C-alpha atoms as a PDB file:
ATOM      1  CA  PHE A   1     -22.102 -31.779  45.387  1.00  0.00           C
ATOM      2  CA  MET A   2     -21.690 -34.776  43.107  1.00  0.00           C
ATOM      3  CA  ALA A   3     -17.940 -34.243  42.871  1.00  0.00           C
ATOM      4  CA  THR A   4     -17.630 -33.796  46.632  1.00  0.00           C
ATOM      5  CA  THR A   5     -19.488 -36.993  47.449  1.00  0.00           C
ATOM      6  CA  ALA A   6     -17.590 -38.912  44.766  1.00  0.00           C
ATOM      7  CA  ALA A   7     -14.283 -37.622  46.125  1.00  0.00           C
ATOM      8  CA  ALA A   8     -15.256 -38.648  49.659  1.00  0.00           C
ATOM      9  CA  MET A   9     -16.143 -42.143  48.447  1.00  0.00           C
ATOM     10  CA  LEU A  10     -12.829 -42.469  46.616  1.00  0.00           C
ATOM     11  CA  LEU A  11     -10.533 -40.816  49.143  1.00  0.00           C
ATOM     12  CA  ALA A  12     -12.039 -41.884  52.471  1.00  0.00           C
ATOM     13  CA  PRO A  13     -14.247 -44.950  52.028  1.00  0.00           C
ATOM     14  CA  ARG A  14     -13.258 -46.497  55.349  1.00  0.00           C
ATOM     15  CA  LEU A  15     -14.037 -43.257  57.170  1.00  0.00           C
ATOM     16  CA  LEU A  16     -17.506 -43.173  55.615  1.00  0.00           C
ATOM     17  CA  LEU A  17     -18.059 -46.831  56.459  1.00  0.00           C
ATOM     18  CA  SER A  18     -16.980 -46.265  60.053  1.00  0.00           C
ATOM     19  CA  ALA A  19     -20.222 -44.356  60.612  1.00  0.00           C
ATOM     20  CA  TYR A  20     -22.066 -47.663  60.173  1.00  0.00           C
ATOM     21  CA  VAL A  21     -19.682 -50.466  61.171  1.00  0.00           C
ATOM     22  CA  ASP A  22     -16.461 -51.002  63.062  1.00  0.00           C
ATOM     23  CA  VAL A  23     -14.045 -51.114  60.123  1.00  0.00           C
ATOM     24  CA  ASP A  24     -11.192 -52.300  62.354  1.00  0.00           C
ATOM     25  CA  ASP A  25     -13.082 -55.355  63.634  1.00  0.00           C
ATOM     26  CA  ALA A  26     -11.717 -58.497  61.961  1.00  0.00           C
ATOM     27  CA  ALA A  27     -15.250 -59.907  61.800  1.00  0.00           C
ATOM     28  CA  ASN A  28     -16.182 -57.086  59.400  1.00  0.00           C
ATOM     29  CA  ALA A  29     -13.113 -57.385  57.150  1.00  0.00           C
ATOM     30  CA  THR A  30     -14.882 -59.173  54.276  1.00  0.00           C
ATOM     31  CA  MET A  31     -17.836 -56.810  54.363  1.00  0.00           C
ATOM     32  CA  VAL A  32     -15.563 -53.749  54.463  1.00  0.00           C
ATOM     33  CA  GLY A  33     -13.671 -55.079  51.442  1.00  0.00           C
ATOM     34  CA  PHE A  34     -16.914 -55.490  49.500  1.00  0.00           C
ATOM     35  CA  ALA A  35     -18.167 -52.080  50.585  1.00  0.00           C
ATOM     36  CA  VAL A  36     -14.984 -50.322  49.475  1.00  0.00           C
ATOM     37  CA  SER A  37     -15.260 -51.999  46.051  1.00  0.00           C
ATOM     38  CA  TYR A  38     -18.871 -50.885  45.726  1.00  0.00           C
ATOM     39  CA  MET A  39     -17.987 -47.344  46.782  1.00  0.00           C
ATOM     40  CA  VAL A  40     -15.561 -46.970  43.868  1.00  0.00           C
ATOM     41  CA  VAL A  41     -18.411 -47.768  41.476  1.00  0.00           C
ATOM     42  CA  ALA A  42     -20.775 -45.537  43.469  1.00  0.00           C
ATOM     43  CA  ALA A  43     -18.352 -42.622  43.110  1.00  0.00           C
ATOM     44  CA  ALA A  44     -18.386 -42.962  39.323  1.00  0.00           C
ATOM     45  CA  PHE A  45     -22.163 -43.353  39.474  1.00  0.00           C
ATOM     46  CA  GLN A  46     -22.429 -40.061  41.396  1.00  0.00           C
ATOM     47  CA  LEU A  47     -20.516 -38.100  38.772  1.00  0.00           C
ATOM     48  CA  VAL A  48     -22.283 -39.548  35.755  1.00  0.00           C
ATOM     49  CA  ASP A  49     -25.723 -39.354  37.370  1.00  0.00           C
ATOM     50  CA  GLY A  50     -25.189 -35.671  38.107  1.00  0.00           C
ATOM     51  CA  ILE A  51     -24.387 -35.006  34.454  1.00  0.00           C
ATOM     52  CA  GLN A  52     -27.374 -37.052  33.307  1.00  0.00           C
ATOM     53  CA  ALA A  53     -29.781 -35.368  35.729  1.00  0.00           C
ATOM     54  CA  VAL A  54     -28.718 -31.841  34.759  1.00  0.00           C
ATOM     55  CA  ALA A  55     -28.843 -32.607  31.029  1.00  0.00           C
ATOM     56  CA  MET A  56     -32.257 -34.251  31.325  1.00  0.00           C
ATOM     57  CA  GLY A  57     -33.613 -31.401  33.431  1.00  0.00           C
ATOM     58  CA  SER A  58     -32.296 -28.855  30.950  1.00  0.00           C
ATOM     59  CA  LEU A  59     -33.996 -30.665  28.085  1.00  0.00           C
ATOM     60  CA  ARG A  60     -37.245 -30.813  30.067  1.00  0.00           C
ATOM     61  CA  GLY A  61     -37.003 -27.062  30.495  1.00  0.00           C
ATOM     62  CA  LEU A  62     -37.021 -26.800  26.700  1.00  0.00           C
ATOM     63  CA  GLN A  63     -40.120 -29.043  26.589  1.00  0.00           C
ATOM     64  CA  ASP A  64     -38.025 -31.807  25.011  1.00  0.00           C
ATOM     65  CA  THR A  65     -39.208 -34.967  26.740  1.00  0.00           C
ATOM     66  CA  ARG A  66     -40.051 -37.723  24.262  1.00  0.00           C
ATOM     67  CA  LEU A  67     -36.656 -38.533  22.801  1.00  0.00           C
ATOM     68  CA  PRO A  68     -34.861 -38.138  26.162  1.00  0.00           C
ATOM     69  CA  MET A  69     -37.325 -40.658  27.610  1.00  0.00           C
ATOM     70  CA  ALA A  70     -36.507 -43.044  24.763  1.00  0.00           C
ATOM     71  CA  TYR A  71     -32.803 -42.500  25.438  1.00  0.00           C
ATOM     72  CA  ALA A  72     -33.338 -43.412  29.086  1.00  0.00           C
ATOM     73  CA  VAL A  73     -35.356 -46.530  28.283  1.00  0.00           C
ATOM     74  CA  PHE A  74     -32.749 -47.665  25.764  1.00  0.00           C
ATOM     75  CA  GLY A  75     -29.717 -46.834  27.907  1.00  0.00           C
ATOM     76  CA  TYR A  76     -30.943 -48.472  31.086  1.00  0.00           C
ATOM     77  CA  TRP A  77     -32.456 -51.559  29.497  1.00  0.00           C
ATOM     78  CA  VAL A  78     -30.097 -52.434  26.638  1.00  0.00           C
ATOM     79  CA  PRO A  79     -26.490 -51.596  27.552  1.00  0.00           C
ATOM     80  CA  GLY A  80     -27.241 -51.154  31.263  1.00  0.00           C
ATOM     81  CA  LEU A  81     -29.085 -54.390  31.887  1.00  0.00           C
ATOM     82  CA  GLY A  82     -27.004 -56.264  29.312  1.00  0.00           C
ATOM     83  CA  CYS A  83     -23.713 -55.274  30.925  1.00  0.00           C
ATOM     84  CA  SER A  84     -25.128 -55.932  34.394  1.00  0.00           C
ATOM     85  CA  LEU A  85     -26.110 -59.461  33.448  1.00  0.00           C
ATOM     86  CA  ALA A  86     -22.844 -60.169  31.639  1.00  0.00           C
ATOM     87  CA  LEU A  87     -20.549 -58.716  34.298  1.00  0.00           C
ATOM     88  CA  GLY A  88     -22.596 -59.859  37.272  1.00  0.00           C
ATOM     89  CA  PHE A  89     -23.208 -63.454  36.268  1.00  0.00           C
ATOM     90  CA  TYR A  90     -20.506 -64.394  33.772  1.00  0.00           C
ATOM     91  CA  THR A  91     -17.426 -62.844  35.367  1.00  0.00           C
ATOM     92  CA  PRO A  92     -15.919 -63.057  38.845  1.00  0.00           C
ATOM     93  CA  LEU A  93     -17.029 -59.457  39.488  1.00  0.00           C
ATOM     94  CA  ALA A  94     -20.435 -60.664  40.747  1.00  0.00           C
ATOM     95  CA  GLY A  95     -22.280 -57.849  42.564  1.00  0.00           C
ATOM     96  CA  VAL A  96     -19.735 -55.199  41.649  1.00  0.00           C
ATOM     97  CA  GLY A  97     -20.198 -56.268  38.026  1.00  0.00           C
ATOM     98  CA  VAL A  98     -23.936 -55.655  38.300  1.00  0.00           C
ATOM     99  CA  TRP A  99     -23.279 -52.117  39.503  1.00  0.00           C
ATOM    100  CA  ILE A 100     -20.639 -51.521  36.839  1.00  0.00           C
ATOM    101  CA  GLY A 101     -23.243 -52.566  34.270  1.00  0.00           C
ATOM    102  CA  LEU A 102     -25.764 -50.137  35.724  1.00  0.00           C
ATOM    103  CA  ALA A 103     -23.110 -47.429  35.568  1.00  0.00           C
ATOM    104  CA  VAL A 104     -22.485 -48.270  31.899  1.00  0.00           C
ATOM    105  CA  GLY A 105     -26.183 -47.739  31.206  1.00  0.00           C
ATOM    106  CA  LEU A 106     -26.053 -44.434  33.029  1.00  0.00           C
ATOM    107  CA  VAL A 107     -22.992 -43.351  31.023  1.00  0.00           C
ATOM    108  CA  VAL A 108     -24.861 -44.119  27.792  1.00  0.00           C
ATOM    109  CA  VAL A 109     -27.909 -42.121  28.902  1.00  0.00           C
ATOM    110  CA  ALA A 110     -25.760 -39.210  30.093  1.00  0.00           C
ATOM    111  CA  ALA A 111     -23.834 -39.142  26.810  1.00  0.00           C
ATOM    112  CA  LEU A 112     -27.022 -39.195  24.734  1.00  0.00           C
ATOM    113  CA  MET A 113     -28.643 -36.454  26.848  1.00  0.00           C
ATOM    114  CA  LEU A 114     -25.533 -34.305  26.752  1.00  0.00           C
ATOM    115  CA  ARG A 115     -25.213 -34.776  22.995  1.00  0.00           C
ATOM    116  CA  ARG A 116     -28.827 -33.689  22.514  1.00  0.00           C
ATOM    117  CA  TRP A 117     -28.292 -30.670  24.758  1.00  0.00           C
ATOM    118  CA  MET A 118     -25.181 -29.635  22.831  1.00  0.00           C
ATOM    119  CA  ARG A 119     -27.133 -29.868  19.553  1.00  0.00           C
ATOM    120  CA  ARG A 120     -30.212 -27.991  20.843  1.00  0.00           C
ATOM    121  CA  GLU A 121     -29.813 -25.020  18.493  1.00  0.00           C
ATOM    122  CA  THR A 122     -29.358 -27.236  15.441  1.00  0.00           C
ATOM    123  CA  LEU A 123     -32.455 -29.208  16.477  1.00  0.00           C
ATOM    124  CA  GLY A 124     -34.509 -26.051  17.047  1.00  0.00           C
ATOM    125  CA  LEU A 125     -34.837 -26.654  20.787  1.00  0.00           C
ATOM    126  CA  LEU A 126     -34.766 -23.053  21.899  1.00  0.00           C
ATOM    127  CA  PRO A 127     -36.649 -21.434  24.773  1.00  0.00           C
ATOM    128  CA  ALA A 128     -39.940 -19.848  23.827  1.00  0.00           C
END
């Protein structure tokens, strides 16, 4: 599902937007341009969030919750918020930069969760 929605956002953003606004109306041109830019970031967000959610859920199934929670707090607040502030307020990216920063935080969390999942046997995180 995550890949399908990401592909739709990347391959047919104007079609998706046309469900909400008239994309051919000149009055909406600026908004459509912004929306298409945001949809590119949202597509990446979809893919990475799917990985993060599955990895976190798998770790929960092994009763491993404390360190994954710390990973999430760290990833969203340090690189995520830091990149959002830097890209959103100190570059011309503005709002898209904020969302890119949030995606960076999500990538960090997904990578940490996936790394922990891949090392579950070494860490003794086996089903009871």
